[in-house]
Every structure is written in C-alpha cells, then in structure tokens.
Amino acid sequence: MKKMRNESNLRVTFSKRRTGVFKKASELATLCGVDVAVIMFSPGNRVFSFGSPSVDSVVQRYKTQGPPPLLTLDLNKVHSTADEVELHTHLHCLSNQIAIEKKRTKDLNHLAKAAEDQFWWARPIESMTDSQLDKYKKMLEEFKRQLKEKRGNLN
C-alpha cells in the first residue's frame, strides 16, 4: 500500500475514510463503554477530531495515566453519558441510512444512464453524435415511408 498521488482522489478518499474511522470509534465507545479520542490532520492540514465523551477529557485522562477521580462524578455527568450512548446509536442509524441512500442514488443514476443510452433518439438533436443523427434520419425516412404506404392503403 502506498500514498495516493492524485490530489483530488486523495482528498475524497480521506473524507470517506475519516467518516468511517469516526463511525468505528463511535461504535467502539458505545458497544464497549470506553473513552475514545481520534485526532487527524487532513491532506490540507485541517484538524478533525472525535471524542467520547470528549477529546479533551480523553487526552487529560491519558496525560494523568489514570481514571478520573470518582468524587468529581456527578449525576449530570452520568446523565450526559447516557445521552451520548443514545446519540451514538442514533448516529449509527443515520450513517446506515446515508449509506443506503448513496447506494440508491448510484443505482438510480445507473438506471437513468441506461435509459438515456436506450432512448438516445429522445434526446435533443444538438446533443446527438453523427452516427445517432444518421440513425435518426433513417428512422424518420422509414416512418415517412410507412405513412405514405398507410395513406395509400386508406384511399
């Protein structure tokens, strides 16, 4: 594995992978009840972070190499931790819905492209290629011939 050279692809990949890493960190915090902090710098030197319960508290705990004293734990903190678990669960559900909608959008775009390729003659004439214009002209000539033939049979 090596670093991507295309700057545009690098940024897009970073953005997608960053979201995935934060999602996994959130799941780990929710499922295992652990404190997690993730700090990363983008290719454009922007800082992104995720923390549960917060980046600052995890970093502070890391610096002191021990758990926070139990005496400072109050009911508001316990309540906010319970709210965080609920928020992490909601975030996970929303992330799944976004992934489903992205796949659905991709599938719809694919179907639209297939329909456009199949019904090329329904596009504006200005956007047709020379070969498509030739086919269109032949179709119109055949249609005109069939109309004349049908009129002849009616008289």
C-alpha atoms as a PDB file:
ATOM      1  CA  MET A   1       0.000   0.000   0.000  1.00  0.00           C
ATOM      2  CA  LYS A   2       1.296   3.468  -0.827  1.00  0.00           C
ATOM      3  CA  LYS A   3       0.152   7.063  -0.728  1.00  0.00           C
ATOM      4  CA  MET A   4      -2.181   8.199  -3.496  1.00  0.00           C
ATOM      5  CA  ARG A   5      -0.661  10.666  -5.932  1.00  0.00           C
ATOM      6  CA  ASN A   6      -3.809  12.197  -7.398  1.00  0.00           C
ATOM      7  CA  GLU A   7      -4.619  15.110  -5.067  1.00  0.00           C
ATOM      8  CA  SER A   8      -8.355  15.087  -5.834  1.00  0.00           C
ATOM      9  CA  ASN A   9      -8.694  11.353  -5.197  1.00  0.00           C
ATOM     10  CA  LEU A  10      -6.612  11.727  -2.030  1.00  0.00           C
ATOM     11  CA  ARG A  11      -8.987  14.336  -0.596  1.00  0.00           C
ATOM     12  CA  VAL A  12     -12.124  12.361  -1.479  1.00  0.00           C
ATOM     13  CA  THR A  13     -10.678   9.151  -0.044  1.00  0.00           C
ATOM     14  CA  PHE A  14      -9.598  10.958   3.125  1.00  0.00           C
ATOM     15  CA  SER A  15     -13.073  12.392   3.595  1.00  0.00           C
ATOM     16  CA  LYS A  16     -14.749   8.996   3.197  1.00  0.00           C
ATOM     17  CA  ARG A  17     -12.211   7.169   5.356  1.00  0.00           C
ATOM     18  CA  ARG A  18     -12.375   9.866   8.050  1.00  0.00           C
ATOM     19  CA  THR A  19     -16.128   9.346   8.323  1.00  0.00           C
ATOM     20  CA  GLY A  20     -15.588   5.590   8.570  1.00  0.00           C
ATOM     21  CA  VAL A  21     -12.934   5.909  11.276  1.00  0.00           C
ATOM     22  CA  PHE A  22     -15.150   8.235  13.335  1.00  0.00           C
ATOM     23  CA  LYS A  23     -18.068   5.856  12.915  1.00  0.00           C
ATOM     24  CA  LYS A  24     -15.976   2.909  14.144  1.00  0.00           C
ATOM     25  CA  ALA A  25     -14.703   4.944  17.097  1.00  0.00           C
ATOM     26  CA  SER A  26     -18.290   5.853  17.974  1.00  0.00           C
ATOM     27  CA  GLU A  27     -19.337   2.200  17.773  1.00  0.00           C
ATOM     28  CA  LEU A  28     -16.429   1.160  19.966  1.00  0.00           C
ATOM     29  CA  ALA A  29     -17.338   3.780  22.559  1.00  0.00           C
ATOM     30  CA  THR A  30     -20.999   2.762  22.510  1.00  0.00           C
ATOM     31  CA  LEU A  31     -20.620  -1.009  22.422  1.00  0.00           C
ATOM     32  CA  CYS A  32     -17.741  -1.316  24.876  1.00  0.00           C
ATOM     33  CA  GLY A  33     -18.360   1.708  27.087  1.00  0.00           C
ATOM     34  CA  VAL A  34     -14.830   3.022  26.593  1.00  0.00           C
ATOM     35  CA  ASP A  35     -13.454   6.525  26.250  1.00  0.00           C
ATOM     36  CA  VAL A  36     -12.117   7.176  22.741  1.00  0.00           C
ATOM     37  CA  ALA A  37     -10.316  10.080  21.092  1.00  0.00           C
ATOM     38  CA  VAL A  38      -9.321  10.310  17.428  1.00  0.00           C
ATOM     39  CA  ILE A  39      -7.378  13.290  16.073  1.00  0.00           C
ATOM     40  CA  MET A  40      -6.327  13.523  12.446  1.00  0.00           C
ATOM     41  CA  PHE A  41      -4.923  16.111  10.087  1.00  0.00           C
ATOM     42  CA  SER A  42      -6.279  16.236   6.545  1.00  0.00           C
ATOM     43  CA  PRO A  43      -4.059  16.472   3.459  1.00  0.00           C
ATOM     44  CA  GLY A  44      -4.951  20.195   3.548  1.00  0.00           C
ATOM     45  CA  ASN A  45      -3.695  20.444   7.174  1.00  0.00           C
ATOM     46  CA  ARG A  46      -7.189  20.817   8.655  1.00  0.00           C
ATOM     47  CA  VAL A  47      -7.706  19.188  12.047  1.00  0.00           C
ATOM     48  CA  PHE A  48     -10.550  16.732  12.594  1.00  0.00           C
ATOM     49  CA  SER A  49     -11.340  15.107  15.908  1.00  0.00           C
ATOM     50  CA  PHE A  50     -13.821  12.792  17.541  1.00  0.00           C
ATOM     51  CA  GLY A  51     -14.078  12.065  21.234  1.00  0.00           C
ATOM     52  CA  SER A  52     -16.300  10.137  23.546  1.00  0.00           C
ATOM     53  CA  PRO A  53     -17.114  11.648  25.970  1.00  0.00           C
ATOM     54  CA  SER A  54     -14.854  14.413  24.569  1.00  0.00           C
ATOM     55  CA  VAL A  55     -11.379  14.698  23.094  1.00  0.00           C
ATOM     56  CA  ASP A  56     -10.253  16.936  25.963  1.00  0.00           C
ATOM     57  CA  SER A  57     -11.339  14.515  28.676  1.00  0.00           C
ATOM     58  CA  VAL A  58      -9.675  11.545  26.962  1.00  0.00           C
ATOM     59  CA  VAL A  59      -6.444  13.473  26.411  1.00  0.00           C
ATOM     60  CA  GLN A  60      -6.472  14.686  30.016  1.00  0.00           C
ATOM     61  CA  ARG A  61      -7.002  11.127  31.234  1.00  0.00           C
ATOM     62  CA  TYR A  62      -4.139   9.962  29.026  1.00  0.00           C
ATOM     63  CA  LYS A  63      -1.839  12.652  30.415  1.00  0.00           C
ATOM     64  CA  THR A  64      -2.560  11.696  34.005  1.00  0.00           C
ATOM     65  CA  GLN A  65      -2.365   7.962  33.152  1.00  0.00           C
ATOM     66  CA  GLY A  66      -5.333   7.046  35.251  1.00  0.00           C
ATOM     67  CA  PRO A  67      -9.091   7.196  35.544  1.00  0.00           C
ATOM     68  CA  PRO A  68     -10.706  10.445  36.635  1.00  0.00           C
ATOM     69  CA  PRO A  69     -11.421  10.607  40.355  1.00  0.00           C
ATOM     70  CA  LEU A  70     -14.820   9.189  41.248  1.00  0.00           C
ATOM     71  CA  LEU A  71     -15.533  12.064  43.638  1.00  0.00           C
ATOM     72  CA  THR A  72     -15.920  14.515  40.762  1.00  0.00           C
ATOM     73  CA  LEU A  73     -18.516  12.343  39.054  1.00  0.00           C
ATOM     74  CA  ASP A  74     -21.939  13.927  39.456  1.00  0.00           C
ATOM     75  CA  LEU A  75     -25.391  12.864  38.260  1.00  0.00           C
ATOM     76  CA  ASN A  76     -25.355  15.355  35.390  1.00  0.00           C
ATOM     77  CA  LYS A  77     -22.221  13.677  34.020  1.00  0.00           C
ATOM     78  CA  VAL A  78     -23.825  10.225  34.297  1.00  0.00           C
ATOM     79  CA  HIS A  79     -26.946  11.526  32.565  1.00  0.00           C
ATOM     80  CA  SER A  80     -24.903  13.117  29.760  1.00  0.00           C
ATOM     81  CA  THR A  81     -23.049   9.809  29.246  1.00  0.00           C
ATOM     82  CA  ALA A  82     -26.397   8.026  28.870  1.00  0.00           C
ATOM     83  CA  ASP A  83     -27.436  10.704  26.368  1.00  0.00           C
ATOM     84  CA  GLU A  84     -24.175  10.157  24.489  1.00  0.00           C
ATOM     85  CA  VAL A  85     -24.891   6.450  24.138  1.00  0.00           C
ATOM     86  CA  GLU A  86     -28.291   7.307  22.702  1.00  0.00           C
ATOM     87  CA  LEU A  87     -26.711   9.870  20.351  1.00  0.00           C
ATOM     88  CA  HIS A  88     -24.058   7.378  19.222  1.00  0.00           C
ATOM     89  CA  THR A  89     -26.787   4.852  18.467  1.00  0.00           C
ATOM     90  CA  HIS A  90     -28.748   7.480  16.544  1.00  0.00           C
ATOM     91  CA  LEU A  91     -25.586   8.497  14.665  1.00  0.00           C
ATOM     92  CA  HIS A  92     -25.006   4.874  13.709  1.00  0.00           C
ATOM     93  CA  CYS A  93     -28.576   4.571  12.379  1.00  0.00           C
ATOM     94  CA  LEU A  94     -28.254   7.812  10.411  1.00  0.00           C
ATOM     95  CA  SER A  95     -24.914   6.690   8.954  1.00  0.00           C
ATOM     96  CA  ASN A  96     -26.536   3.467   7.776  1.00  0.00           C
ATOM     97  CA  GLN A  97     -29.412   5.407   6.211  1.00  0.00           C
ATOM     98  CA  ILE A  98     -26.961   7.700   4.418  1.00  0.00           C
ATOM     99  CA  ALA A  99     -25.080   4.681   3.043  1.00  0.00           C
ATOM    100  CA  ILE A 100     -28.364   3.171   1.811  1.00  0.00           C
ATOM    101  CA  GLU A 101     -29.392   6.452   0.161  1.00  0.00           C
ATOM    102  CA  LYS A 102     -25.972   6.819  -1.510  1.00  0.00           C
ATOM    103  CA  LYS A 103     -26.310   3.318  -2.961  1.00  0.00           C
ATOM    104  CA  ARG A 104     -29.861   4.102  -4.064  1.00  0.00           C
ATOM    105  CA  THR A 105     -28.683   7.324  -5.753  1.00  0.00           C
ATOM    106  CA  LYS A 106     -25.913   5.422  -7.512  1.00  0.00           C
ATOM    107  CA  ASP A 107     -28.390   2.768  -8.706  1.00  0.00           C
ATOM    108  CA  LEU A 108     -30.843   5.431  -9.938  1.00  0.00           C
ATOM    109  CA  ASN A 109     -28.068   7.264 -11.780  1.00  0.00           C
ATOM    110  CA  HIS A 110     -27.075   3.970 -13.400  1.00  0.00           C
ATOM    111  CA  LEU A 111     -30.691   3.323 -14.459  1.00  0.00           C
ATOM    112  CA  ALA A 112     -31.009   6.878 -15.815  1.00  0.00           C
ATOM    113  CA  LYS A 113     -27.823   6.416 -17.847  1.00  0.00           C
ATOM    114  CA  ALA A 114     -29.086   3.079 -19.190  1.00  0.00           C
ATOM    115  CA  ALA A 115     -32.420   4.667 -20.148  1.00  0.00           C
ATOM    116  CA  GLU A 116     -30.611   7.550 -21.830  1.00  0.00           C
ATOM    117  CA  ASP A 117     -28.478   5.109 -23.816  1.00  0.00           C
ATOM    118  CA  GLN A 118     -31.540   3.070 -24.788  1.00  0.00           C
ATOM    119  CA  PHE A 119     -33.665   6.072 -25.797  1.00  0.00           C
ATOM    120  CA  TRP A 120     -30.922   8.144 -27.411  1.00  0.00           C
ATOM    121  CA  TRP A 121     -33.370   9.340 -30.082  1.00  0.00           C
ATOM    122  CA  ALA A 122     -35.456  11.142 -27.426  1.00  0.00           C
ATOM    123  CA  ARG A 123     -32.568  13.491 -26.617  1.00  0.00           C
ATOM    124  CA  PRO A 124     -32.277  16.962 -28.186  1.00  0.00           C
ATOM    125  CA  ILE A 125     -30.804  16.807 -31.673  1.00  0.00           C
ATOM    126  CA  GLU A 126     -27.963  19.145 -30.638  1.00  0.00           C
ATOM    127  CA  SER A 127     -26.578  16.543 -28.240  1.00  0.00           C
ATOM    128  CA  MET A 128     -26.617  13.640 -30.739  1.00  0.00           C
ATOM    129  CA  THR A 129     -23.484  12.257 -32.349  1.00  0.00           C
ATOM    130  CA  ASP A 130     -23.145  11.995 -36.128  1.00  0.00           C
ATOM    131  CA  SER A 131     -23.922   8.269 -36.098  1.00  0.00           C
ATOM    132  CA  GLN A 132     -27.009   8.892 -33.955  1.00  0.00           C
ATOM    133  CA  LEU A 133     -28.161  11.618 -36.353  1.00  0.00           C
ATOM    134  CA  ASP A 134     -27.758   9.189 -39.278  1.00  0.00           C
ATOM    135  CA  LYS A 135     -29.819   6.559 -37.430  1.00  0.00           C
ATOM    136  CA  TYR A 136     -32.427   9.185 -36.552  1.00  0.00           C
ATOM    137  CA  LYS A 137     -32.634  10.306 -40.167  1.00  0.00           C
ATOM    138  CA  LYS A 138     -33.123   6.700 -41.333  1.00  0.00           C
ATOM    139  CA  MET A 139     -35.823   6.185 -38.700  1.00  0.00           C
ATOM    140  CA  LEU A 140     -37.662   9.318 -39.880  1.00  0.00           C
ATOM    141  CA  GLU A 141     -37.366   8.290 -43.517  1.00  0.00           C
ATOM    142  CA  GLU A 142     -38.764   4.831 -42.653  1.00  0.00           C
ATOM    143  CA  PHE A 143     -41.579   6.458 -40.678  1.00  0.00           C
ATOM    144  CA  LYS A 144     -42.363   8.760 -43.605  1.00  0.00           C
ATOM    145  CA  ARG A 145     -42.381   5.773 -45.991  1.00  0.00           C
ATOM    146  CA  GLN A 146     -44.768   3.854 -43.710  1.00  0.00           C
ATOM    147  CA  LEU A 147     -47.095   6.886 -43.503  1.00  0.00           C
ATOM    148  CA  LYS A 148     -47.239   7.163 -47.292  1.00  0.00           C
ATOM    149  CA  GLU A 149     -47.896   3.434 -47.521  1.00  0.00           C
ATOM    150  CA  LYS A 150     -50.672   3.626 -44.935  1.00  0.00           C
ATOM    151  CA  ARG A 151     -52.267   6.628 -46.711  1.00  0.00           C
ATOM    152  CA  GLY A 152     -52.134   4.692 -49.961  1.00  0.00           C
ATOM    153  CA  ASN A 153     -53.967   1.764 -48.345  1.00  0.00           C
ATOM    154  CA  LEU A 154     -56.674   4.108 -46.970  1.00  0.00           C
ATOM    155  CA  ASN A 155     -57.528   5.589 -50.400  1.00  0.00           C
END
